[in-house]
Amino acid sequence: MNHRIDPGPMDLSDDERLLPQWPAPPRVRALVTLRGHHGASAGPWGRPGGAAGGMNLGAHCGDDPQAVHANRARLRRALPAEPVWLDQVHGVAVFDADAAPAGAAEAGRLPQADAAVTACAGRPLVIMTADCLPVLFCNREGTVVGAAHAGWRGLAAGVLERTVEALRRRAPGGSQWLAWLGPSIGPNRFEVGDDVVDAFVQADAAASAAFRPGARPGKWLADLPQLARMRLRQAGVDQTFGETRCTVDEPERFYSYRRDGVTGRFASLVWLDAD
């Protein structure tokens, strides 16, 4: 691709970001990037129809690397520091962003994990998705935050429980935890097979409530946010908040792998402001 890379406006505009609505402490900051209008990506990673302007942040989905670099640079200007990028693999590993030396998570040396935690101010955690469920965490005291990538594989394998465990290690002593569930594929769009149902129901029979028969034999419609809330309750996180927006149904706002196949990624971020 040879289109001109336009850095766009200095800050993300209101139509290029979503601000989570949850009762987090004032020093906990969070945002979700949208597909946008002023980004540098075009084609499947651009705006609907292929026009330039997409804010694709995924470096692994075939987009022009210069466009991704320009989009990430633009996001960086809206943040206190470079985000803690992860190599997400639909697993359960949780990266302790405070234990790694500064600058360790460079391109080509990203930590392979699907969640991260931090107790340091000014260290944004980032999860990239295009249908999977991003989950952001904080405690009531506003001393620790976390972020997790919950596709069905990671969710069934325990990525949310692992993230809660890591958060509690950073804030022992009975902190109350809040979780915010970001935009993901909705329960009317997420068609799965018997294998997905079995992965959840064999671990917890109550999970069957999150599935309803699909239009074809052996197919089911899965409620990913409901499954996540069930897992969070079992992990002791009763205060959950979040979006009802479906990534598949809103092509102007969200990238969706299930809808488009070749597509970009948007980001969900959380960090702590300085005291």
C-alpha atoms as a PDB file:
ATOM      1  CA  MET A   1       0.000   0.000   0.000  1.00  0.00           C
ATOM      2  CA  ASN A   2       1.364   3.390  -0.963  1.00  0.00           C
ATOM      3  CA  HIS A   3      -1.190   5.834   0.361  1.00  0.00           C
ATOM      4  CA  ARG A   4       0.114   8.914   2.134  1.00  0.00           C
ATOM      5  CA  ILE A   5       0.402   8.528   5.893  1.00  0.00           C
ATOM      6  CA  ASP A   6      -1.382  11.439   7.549  1.00  0.00           C
ATOM      7  CA  PRO A   7      -0.661  11.764  11.271  1.00  0.00           C
ATOM      8  CA  GLY A   8      -4.123  13.276  11.832  1.00  0.00           C
ATOM      9  CA  PRO A   9      -5.160  15.552  14.684  1.00  0.00           C
ATOM     10  CA  MET A  10      -3.046  15.626  17.831  1.00  0.00           C
ATOM     11  CA  ASP A  11      -5.716  14.177  20.138  1.00  0.00           C
ATOM     12  CA  LEU A  12      -8.384  11.525  19.754  1.00  0.00           C
ATOM     13  CA  SER A  13     -11.724  13.179  19.070  1.00  0.00           C
ATOM     14  CA  ASP A  14     -14.967  12.174  20.765  1.00  0.00           C
ATOM     15  CA  ASP A  15     -15.990  10.061  17.766  1.00  0.00           C
ATOM     16  CA  GLU A  16     -12.711   8.125  17.931  1.00  0.00           C
ATOM     17  CA  ARG A  17     -12.853   6.982  21.524  1.00  0.00           C
ATOM     18  CA  LEU A  18     -15.266   5.494  24.015  1.00  0.00           C
ATOM     19  CA  LEU A  19     -14.904   6.331  27.712  1.00  0.00           C
ATOM     20  CA  PRO A  20     -15.954   3.513  30.053  1.00  0.00           C
ATOM     21  CA  GLN A  21     -18.807   4.336  32.385  1.00  0.00           C
ATOM     22  CA  TRP A  22     -18.012   2.706  35.721  1.00  0.00           C
ATOM     23  CA  PRO A  23     -17.543   3.968  39.288  1.00  0.00           C
ATOM     24  CA  ALA A  24     -13.763   3.731  39.211  1.00  0.00           C
ATOM     25  CA  PRO A  25     -11.693   5.950  41.534  1.00  0.00           C
ATOM     26  CA  PRO A  26     -10.686   9.311  40.015  1.00  0.00           C
ATOM     27  CA  ARG A  27      -7.075   8.325  39.386  1.00  0.00           C
ATOM     28  CA  VAL A  28      -8.126   5.300  37.296  1.00  0.00           C
ATOM     29  CA  ARG A  29      -8.273   6.306  33.649  1.00  0.00           C
ATOM     30  CA  ALA A  30      -9.559   4.220  30.748  1.00  0.00           C
ATOM     31  CA  LEU A  31     -10.553   4.515  27.117  1.00  0.00           C
ATOM     32  CA  VAL A  32     -11.432   2.404  24.092  1.00  0.00           C
ATOM     33  CA  THR A  33     -10.331   3.465  20.637  1.00  0.00           C
ATOM     34  CA  LEU A  34     -12.865   3.328  17.812  1.00  0.00           C
ATOM     35  CA  ARG A  35     -12.396   2.612  14.127  1.00  0.00           C
ATOM     36  CA  GLY A  36     -12.109   6.347  13.630  1.00  0.00           C
ATOM     37  CA  HIS A  37     -12.023   8.827  10.792  1.00  0.00           C
ATOM     38  CA  HIS A  38      -8.605  10.439  11.087  1.00  0.00           C
ATOM     39  CA  GLY A  39      -6.329   7.404  11.264  1.00  0.00           C
ATOM     40  CA  ALA A  40      -3.801   6.310   8.681  1.00  0.00           C
ATOM     41  CA  SER A  41      -5.133   2.891   7.674  1.00  0.00           C
ATOM     42  CA  ALA A  42      -7.019   2.124   4.448  1.00  0.00           C
ATOM     43  CA  GLY A  43      -8.523  -0.931   2.757  1.00  0.00           C
ATOM     44  CA  PRO A  44      -9.886  -3.601   5.142  1.00  0.00           C
ATOM     45  CA  TRP A  45      -8.147  -1.769   8.004  1.00  0.00           C
ATOM     46  CA  GLY A  46      -9.592   1.619   7.054  1.00  0.00           C
ATOM     47  CA  ARG A  47     -13.108   2.976   7.241  1.00  0.00           C
ATOM     48  CA  PRO A  48     -16.063   0.861   6.065  1.00  0.00           C
ATOM     49  CA  GLY A  49     -15.771   0.503   2.294  1.00  0.00           C
ATOM     50  CA  GLY A  50     -11.982   0.774   2.376  1.00  0.00           C
ATOM     51  CA  ALA A  51     -11.451   4.535   2.540  1.00  0.00           C
ATOM     52  CA  ALA A  52      -8.428   5.835   4.428  1.00  0.00           C
ATOM     53  CA  GLY A  53      -8.933   7.029   7.983  1.00  0.00           C
ATOM     54  CA  GLY A  54      -9.000   3.808  10.024  1.00  0.00           C
ATOM     55  CA  MET A  55      -7.325   3.715  13.444  1.00  0.00           C
ATOM     56  CA  ASN A  56      -6.106   0.130  13.199  1.00  0.00           C
ATOM     57  CA  LEU A  57      -3.639  -0.564  16.012  1.00  0.00           C
ATOM     58  CA  GLY A  58      -2.906  -4.199  15.188  1.00  0.00           C
ATOM     59  CA  ALA A  59       0.560  -4.849  13.779  1.00  0.00           C
ATOM     60  CA  HIS A  60      -0.212  -8.506  13.035  1.00  0.00           C
ATOM     61  CA  CYS A  61      -3.230  -8.316  10.729  1.00  0.00           C
ATOM     62  CA  GLY A  62      -1.681  -7.369   7.356  1.00  0.00           C
ATOM     63  CA  ASP A  63      -1.954  -3.583   7.455  1.00  0.00           C
ATOM     64  CA  ASP A  64       0.754  -1.240   6.176  1.00  0.00           C
ATOM     65  CA  PRO A  65       3.319  -1.078   9.034  1.00  0.00           C
ATOM     66  CA  GLN A  66       3.742   2.659   8.491  1.00  0.00           C
ATOM     67  CA  ALA A  67       0.022   3.171   8.954  1.00  0.00           C
ATOM     68  CA  VAL A  68       0.005   1.131  12.161  1.00  0.00           C
ATOM     69  CA  HIS A  69       3.017   3.090  13.419  1.00  0.00           C
ATOM     70  CA  ALA A  70       1.255   6.390  12.684  1.00  0.00           C
ATOM     71  CA  ASN A  71      -1.923   5.212  14.436  1.00  0.00           C
ATOM     72  CA  ARG A  72      -0.016   4.036  17.498  1.00  0.00           C
ATOM     73  CA  ALA A  73       1.918   7.309  17.604  1.00  0.00           C
ATOM     74  CA  ARG A  74      -1.366   9.177  17.570  1.00  0.00           C
ATOM     75  CA  LEU A  75      -2.733   7.050  20.390  1.00  0.00           C
ATOM     76  CA  ARG A  76       0.476   7.607  22.340  1.00  0.00           C
ATOM     77  CA  ARG A  77      -0.121  11.366  22.295  1.00  0.00           C
ATOM     78  CA  ALA A  78      -3.360  10.800  24.220  1.00  0.00           C
ATOM     79  CA  LEU A  79      -1.595   8.757  26.927  1.00  0.00           C
ATOM     80  CA  PRO A  80       0.931   9.419  29.699  1.00  0.00           C
ATOM     81  CA  ALA A  81       3.397   6.871  28.258  1.00  0.00           C
ATOM     82  CA  GLU A  82       3.798   4.153  25.646  1.00  0.00           C
ATOM     83  CA  PRO A  83       1.238   1.388  26.268  1.00  0.00           C
ATOM     84  CA  VAL A  84       2.334  -2.034  27.449  1.00  0.00           C
ATOM     85  CA  TRP A  85       1.733  -3.940  24.202  1.00  0.00           C
ATOM     86  CA  LEU A  86       1.251  -7.703  24.421  1.00  0.00           C
ATOM     87  CA  ASP A  87       1.579 -10.622  22.034  1.00  0.00           C
ATOM     88  CA  GLN A  88      -1.923 -12.009  22.619  1.00  0.00           C
ATOM     89  CA  VAL A  89      -2.286 -15.744  21.996  1.00  0.00           C
ATOM     90  CA  HIS A  90      -5.723 -16.643  23.480  1.00  0.00           C
ATOM     91  CA  GLY A  91      -4.021 -18.038  26.576  1.00  0.00           C
ATOM     92  CA  VAL A  92      -4.079 -17.351  30.306  1.00  0.00           C
ATOM     93  CA  ALA A  93      -0.658 -15.821  31.013  1.00  0.00           C
ATOM     94  CA  VAL A  94      -0.742 -12.549  32.970  1.00  0.00           C
ATOM     95  CA  PHE A  95       2.127 -10.095  32.463  1.00  0.00           C
ATOM     96  CA  ASP A  96       3.366  -8.161  35.494  1.00  0.00           C
ATOM     97  CA  ALA A  97       4.117  -4.841  33.832  1.00  0.00           C
ATOM     98  CA  ASP A  98       5.966  -3.602  36.912  1.00  0.00           C
ATOM     99  CA  ALA A  99       8.470  -6.466  36.979  1.00  0.00           C
ATOM    100  CA  ALA A 100       9.806  -5.927  33.455  1.00  0.00           C
ATOM    101  CA  PRO A 101      12.694  -3.506  32.851  1.00  0.00           C
ATOM    102  CA  ALA A 102      11.799  -0.252  31.129  1.00  0.00           C
ATOM    103  CA  GLY A 103      11.728  -0.621  27.354  1.00  0.00           C
ATOM    104  CA  ALA A 104      11.688  -4.417  27.423  1.00  0.00           C
ATOM    105  CA  ALA A 105       8.410  -4.704  25.515  1.00  0.00           C
ATOM    106  CA  GLU A 106       9.728  -3.530  22.173  1.00  0.00           C
ATOM    107  CA  ALA A 107       8.534  -4.611  18.736  1.00  0.00           C
ATOM    108  CA  GLY A 108       9.568  -8.213  18.219  1.00  0.00           C
ATOM    109  CA  ARG A 109      10.068  -8.776  21.957  1.00  0.00           C
ATOM    110  CA  LEU A 110       6.551  -8.344  23.237  1.00  0.00           C
ATOM    111  CA  PRO A 111       5.529 -10.362  26.293  1.00  0.00           C
ATOM    112  CA  GLN A 112       3.374 -13.300  25.246  1.00  0.00           C
ATOM    113  CA  ALA A 113       0.342 -12.873  27.457  1.00  0.00           C
ATOM    114  CA  ASP A 114      -3.370 -12.169  27.356  1.00  0.00           C
ATOM    115  CA  ALA A 115      -3.573  -9.992  30.440  1.00  0.00           C
ATOM    116  CA  ALA A 116      -1.466  -7.514  32.368  1.00  0.00           C
ATOM    117  CA  VAL A 117      -1.477  -5.774  35.749  1.00  0.00           C
ATOM    118  CA  THR A 118       0.277  -2.714  37.167  1.00  0.00           C
ATOM    119  CA  ALA A 119       0.435  -0.674  40.362  1.00  0.00           C
ATOM    120  CA  CYS A 120       2.607   2.031  38.796  1.00  0.00           C
ATOM    121  CA  ALA A 121       1.201   5.398  37.797  1.00  0.00           C
ATOM    122  CA  GLY A 122       1.428   6.415  34.162  1.00  0.00           C
ATOM    123  CA  ARG A 123       1.759   2.896  32.756  1.00  0.00           C
ATOM    124  CA  PRO A 124      -1.130   2.205  30.332  1.00  0.00           C
ATOM    125  CA  LEU A 125      -2.139  -1.416  29.847  1.00  0.00           C
ATOM    126  CA  VAL A 126      -3.621  -2.271  26.466  1.00  0.00           C
ATOM    127  CA  ILE A 127      -5.715  -5.105  25.072  1.00  0.00           C
ATOM    128  CA  MET A 128      -6.479  -5.314  21.353  1.00  0.00           C
ATOM    129  CA  THR A 129      -9.649  -6.939  20.062  1.00  0.00           C
ATOM    130  CA  ALA A 130     -11.962  -7.278  17.083  1.00  0.00           C
ATOM    131  CA  ASP A 131     -14.845  -9.319  18.602  1.00  0.00           C
ATOM    132  CA  CYS A 132     -13.185 -10.856  21.676  1.00  0.00           C
ATOM    133  CA  LEU A 133     -14.083  -9.332  25.025  1.00  0.00           C
ATOM    134  CA  PRO A 134     -11.736  -6.783  26.621  1.00  0.00           C
ATOM    135  CA  VAL A 135     -12.038  -6.623  30.417  1.00  0.00           C
ATOM    136  CA  LEU A 136     -10.568  -3.783  32.488  1.00  0.00           C
ATOM    137  CA  PHE A 137     -10.058  -3.996  36.261  1.00  0.00           C
ATOM    138  CA  CYS A 138      -9.318  -1.733  39.198  1.00  0.00           C
ATOM    139  CA  ASN A 139      -9.671  -1.817  42.960  1.00  0.00           C
ATOM    140  CA  ARG A 140     -11.775   0.597  45.007  1.00  0.00           C
ATOM    141  CA  GLU A 141      -8.627   2.186  46.414  1.00  0.00           C
ATOM    142  CA  GLY A 142      -7.332   3.025  42.956  1.00  0.00           C
ATOM    143  CA  THR A 143      -3.920   1.473  43.555  1.00  0.00           C
ATOM    144  CA  VAL A 144      -3.905  -1.363  41.002  1.00  0.00           C
ATOM    145  CA  VAL A 145      -5.335  -1.847  37.508  1.00  0.00           C
ATOM    146  CA  GLY A 146      -5.468  -4.748  35.094  1.00  0.00           C
ATOM    147  CA  ALA A 147      -6.600  -5.622  31.591  1.00  0.00           C
ATOM    148  CA  ALA A 148      -7.499  -8.984  30.053  1.00  0.00           C
ATOM    149  CA  HIS A 149      -8.258 -10.368  26.597  1.00  0.00           C
ATOM    150  CA  ALA A 150     -11.176 -12.789  26.910  1.00  0.00           C
ATOM    151  CA  GLY A 151     -11.920 -14.696  23.755  1.00  0.00           C
ATOM    152  CA  TRP A 152     -13.819 -17.879  24.378  1.00  0.00           C
ATOM    153  CA  ARG A 153     -10.666 -20.025  24.581  1.00  0.00           C
ATOM    154  CA  GLY A 154      -8.962 -17.825  27.138  1.00  0.00           C
ATOM    155  CA  LEU A 155     -12.195 -17.315  29.041  1.00  0.00           C
ATOM    156  CA  ALA A 156     -12.827 -21.064  29.283  1.00  0.00           C
ATOM    157  CA  ALA A 157      -9.208 -21.670  30.309  1.00  0.00           C
ATOM    158  CA  GLY A 158      -9.365 -19.135  33.151  1.00  0.00           C
ATOM    159  CA  VAL A 159      -7.736 -15.910  31.958  1.00  0.00           C
ATOM    160  CA  LEU A 160     -10.056 -13.760  34.081  1.00  0.00           C
ATOM    161  CA  GLU A 161      -9.439 -15.810  37.210  1.00  0.00           C
ATOM    162  CA  ARG A 162      -5.684 -15.623  36.618  1.00  0.00           C
ATOM    163  CA  THR A 163      -5.919 -11.863  36.214  1.00  0.00           C
ATOM    164  CA  VAL A 164      -7.856 -11.473  39.462  1.00  0.00           C
ATOM    165  CA  GLU A 165      -5.243 -13.599  41.249  1.00  0.00           C
ATOM    166  CA  ALA A 166      -2.462 -11.372  39.910  1.00  0.00           C
ATOM    167  CA  LEU A 167      -4.337  -8.234  40.972  1.00  0.00           C
ATOM    168  CA  ARG A 168      -4.812  -9.571  44.497  1.00  0.00           C
ATOM    169  CA  ARG A 169      -1.103 -10.289  44.783  1.00  0.00           C
ATOM    170  CA  ARG A 170      -0.459  -6.609  44.016  1.00  0.00           C
ATOM    171  CA  ALA A 171      -3.069  -5.398  46.549  1.00  0.00           C
ATOM    172  CA  PRO A 172      -3.414  -7.939  49.353  1.00  0.00           C
ATOM    173  CA  GLY A 173      -5.693  -7.281  52.278  1.00  0.00           C
ATOM    174  CA  GLY A 174      -9.235  -7.511  50.992  1.00  0.00           C
ATOM    175  CA  SER A 175      -9.549  -4.895  48.250  1.00  0.00           C
ATOM    176  CA  GLN A 176     -12.871  -4.704  46.459  1.00  0.00           C
ATOM    177  CA  TRP A 177     -12.528  -5.147  42.711  1.00  0.00           C
ATOM    178  CA  LEU A 178     -14.423  -3.613  39.815  1.00  0.00           C
ATOM    179  CA  ALA A 179     -14.496  -4.960  36.267  1.00  0.00           C
ATOM    180  CA  TRP A 180     -15.605  -3.222  33.084  1.00  0.00           C
ATOM    181  CA  LEU A 181     -16.522  -5.326  30.051  1.00  0.00           C
ATOM    182  CA  GLY A 182     -15.828  -3.606  26.748  1.00  0.00           C
ATOM    183  CA  PRO A 183     -17.423  -3.929  23.305  1.00  0.00           C
ATOM    184  CA  SER A 184     -17.443  -7.461  21.922  1.00  0.00           C
ATOM    185  CA  ILE A 185     -19.401  -9.738  19.628  1.00  0.00           C
ATOM    186  CA  GLY A 186     -22.979  -9.809  20.896  1.00  0.00           C
ATOM    187  CA  PRO A 187     -25.177 -12.753  21.928  1.00  0.00           C
ATOM    188  CA  ASN A 188     -27.193 -12.580  18.705  1.00  0.00           C
ATOM    189  CA  ARG A 189     -24.057 -12.867  16.550  1.00  0.00           C
ATOM    190  CA  PHE A 190     -21.672 -15.255  18.279  1.00  0.00           C
ATOM    191  CA  GLU A 191     -22.488 -18.621  16.729  1.00  0.00           C
ATOM    192  CA  VAL A 192     -20.419 -21.490  18.140  1.00  0.00           C
ATOM    193  CA  GLY A 193     -20.333 -25.264  18.002  1.00  0.00           C
ATOM    194  CA  ASP A 194     -20.859 -27.984  20.580  1.00  0.00           C
ATOM    195  CA  ASP A 195     -17.152 -27.877  21.467  1.00  0.00           C
ATOM    196  CA  VAL A 196     -17.467 -24.355  22.845  1.00  0.00           C
ATOM    197  CA  VAL A 197     -20.570 -25.217  24.846  1.00  0.00           C
ATOM    198  CA  ASP A 198     -18.824 -28.280  26.277  1.00  0.00           C
ATOM    199  CA  ALA A 199     -15.744 -26.263  27.244  1.00  0.00           C
ATOM    200  CA  PHE A 200     -17.864 -24.147  29.588  1.00  0.00           C
ATOM    201  CA  VAL A 201     -20.632 -26.484  30.712  1.00  0.00           C
ATOM    202  CA  GLN A 202     -18.285 -29.312  31.678  1.00  0.00           C
ATOM    203  CA  ALA A 203     -16.580 -26.892  34.078  1.00  0.00           C
ATOM    204  CA  ASP A 204     -19.833 -25.319  35.336  1.00  0.00           C
ATOM    205  CA  ALA A 205     -23.291 -26.625  34.469  1.00  0.00           C
ATOM    206  CA  ALA A 206     -24.762 -23.174  35.150  1.00  0.00           C
ATOM    207  CA  ALA A 207     -22.914 -21.873  32.078  1.00  0.00           C
ATOM    208  CA  SER A 208     -25.595 -23.497  29.910  1.00  0.00           C
ATOM    209  CA  ALA A 209     -27.719 -20.392  30.604  1.00  0.00           C
ATOM    210  CA  ALA A 210     -25.354 -18.391  28.379  1.00  0.00           C
ATOM    211  CA  PHE A 211     -26.136 -20.498  25.295  1.00  0.00           C
ATOM    212  CA  ARG A 212     -29.276 -20.800  23.188  1.00  0.00           C
ATOM    213  CA  PRO A 213     -29.881 -22.929  20.089  1.00  0.00           C
ATOM    214  CA  GLY A 214     -28.727 -21.480  16.808  1.00  0.00           C
ATOM    215  CA  ALA A 215     -30.373 -21.702  13.413  1.00  0.00           C
ATOM    216  CA  ARG A 216     -28.538 -24.915  12.466  1.00  0.00           C
ATOM    217  CA  PRO A 217     -28.192 -28.263  14.225  1.00  0.00           C
ATOM    218  CA  GLY A 218     -25.145 -28.368  16.467  1.00  0.00           C
ATOM    219  CA  LYS A 219     -24.861 -24.583  16.527  1.00  0.00           C
ATOM    220  CA  TRP A 220     -25.440 -22.277  19.456  1.00  0.00           C
ATOM    221  CA  LEU A 221     -25.545 -18.547  20.120  1.00  0.00           C
ATOM    222  CA  ALA A 222     -23.172 -17.714  22.956  1.00  0.00           C
ATOM    223  CA  ASP A 223     -23.371 -14.733  25.305  1.00  0.00           C
ATOM    224  CA  LEU A 224     -19.689 -13.948  25.849  1.00  0.00           C
ATOM    225  CA  PRO A 225     -20.243 -11.108  28.367  1.00  0.00           C
ATOM    226  CA  GLN A 226     -22.607 -13.294  30.413  1.00  0.00           C
ATOM    227  CA  LEU A 227     -20.004 -16.061  30.525  1.00  0.00           C
ATOM    228  CA  ALA A 228     -17.420 -13.508  31.662  1.00  0.00           C
ATOM    229  CA  ARG A 229     -19.675 -12.151  34.417  1.00  0.00           C
ATOM    230  CA  MET A 230     -20.270 -15.687  35.679  1.00  0.00           C
ATOM    231  CA  ARG A 231     -16.529 -16.349  35.801  1.00  0.00           C
ATOM    232  CA  LEU A 232     -15.894 -13.032  37.530  1.00  0.00           C
ATOM    233  CA  ARG A 233     -18.518 -13.729  40.204  1.00  0.00           C
ATOM    234  CA  GLN A 234     -16.911 -17.079  40.886  1.00  0.00           C
ATOM    235  CA  ALA A 235     -13.576 -15.255  41.268  1.00  0.00           C
ATOM    236  CA  GLY A 236     -15.104 -12.881  43.809  1.00  0.00           C
ATOM    237  CA  VAL A 237     -15.665  -9.879  41.517  1.00  0.00           C
ATOM    238  CA  ASP A 238     -19.320  -8.955  41.977  1.00  0.00           C
ATOM    239  CA  GLN A 239     -19.162  -5.371  40.723  1.00  0.00           C
ATOM    240  CA  THR A 240     -19.187  -5.629  36.943  1.00  0.00           C
ATOM    241  CA  PHE A 241     -20.102  -2.935  34.463  1.00  0.00           C
ATOM    242  CA  GLY A 242     -19.861  -2.647  30.727  1.00  0.00           C
ATOM    243  CA  GLU A 243     -21.035  -2.168  27.200  1.00  0.00           C
ATOM    244  CA  THR A 244     -23.907  -3.749  25.302  1.00  0.00           C
ATOM    245  CA  ARG A 245     -22.545  -2.660  21.919  1.00  0.00           C
ATOM    246  CA  CYS A 246     -21.952  -5.498  19.462  1.00  0.00           C
ATOM    247  CA  THR A 247     -18.799  -5.178  17.379  1.00  0.00           C
ATOM    248  CA  VAL A 248     -20.358  -7.079  14.468  1.00  0.00           C
ATOM    249  CA  ASP A 249     -23.366  -4.758  14.268  1.00  0.00           C
ATOM    250  CA  GLU A 250     -21.464  -1.452  14.239  1.00  0.00           C
ATOM    251  CA  PRO A 251     -18.983  -1.392  11.320  1.00  0.00           C
ATOM    252  CA  GLU A 252     -18.625   2.401  11.555  1.00  0.00           C
ATOM    253  CA  ARG A 253     -17.293   2.130  15.109  1.00  0.00           C
ATOM    254  CA  PHE A 254     -15.652  -1.262  15.517  1.00  0.00           C
ATOM    255  CA  TYR A 255     -13.444  -3.714  13.697  1.00  0.00           C
ATOM    256  CA  SER A 256     -14.916  -7.233  13.616  1.00  0.00           C
ATOM    257  CA  TYR A 257     -13.095 -10.386  12.594  1.00  0.00           C
ATOM    258  CA  ARG A 258     -16.309 -12.417  12.526  1.00  0.00           C
ATOM    259  CA  ARG A 259     -17.942  -9.890  10.186  1.00  0.00           C
ATOM    260  CA  ASP A 260     -15.034  -9.076   7.842  1.00  0.00           C
ATOM    261  CA  GLY A 261     -12.301 -11.703   8.176  1.00  0.00           C
ATOM    262  CA  VAL A 262      -9.429  -9.409   7.205  1.00  0.00           C
ATOM    263  CA  THR A 263      -9.730  -6.386   9.482  1.00  0.00           C
ATOM    264  CA  GLY A 264      -8.000  -4.196  12.051  1.00  0.00           C
ATOM    265  CA  ARG A 265      -7.933  -4.123  15.832  1.00  0.00           C
ATOM    266  CA  PHE A 266      -9.121  -1.526  18.309  1.00  0.00           C
ATOM    267  CA  ALA A 267      -7.655  -1.032  21.777  1.00  0.00           C
ATOM    268  CA  SER A 268      -9.000  -0.953  25.333  1.00  0.00           C
ATOM    269  CA  LEU A 269      -6.682   0.762  27.800  1.00  0.00           C
ATOM    270  CA  VAL A 270      -6.500   1.403  31.536  1.00  0.00           C
ATOM    271  CA  TRP A 271      -3.910   3.214  33.662  1.00  0.00           C
ATOM    272  CA  LEU A 272      -3.345   5.054  36.906  1.00  0.00           C
ATOM    273  CA  ASP A 273      -2.835   8.779  37.098  1.00  0.00           C
ATOM    274  CA  ALA A 274      -0.164  10.080  39.460  1.00  0.00           C
ATOM    275  CA  ASP A 275      -1.334  10.780  43.009  1.00  0.00           C
END
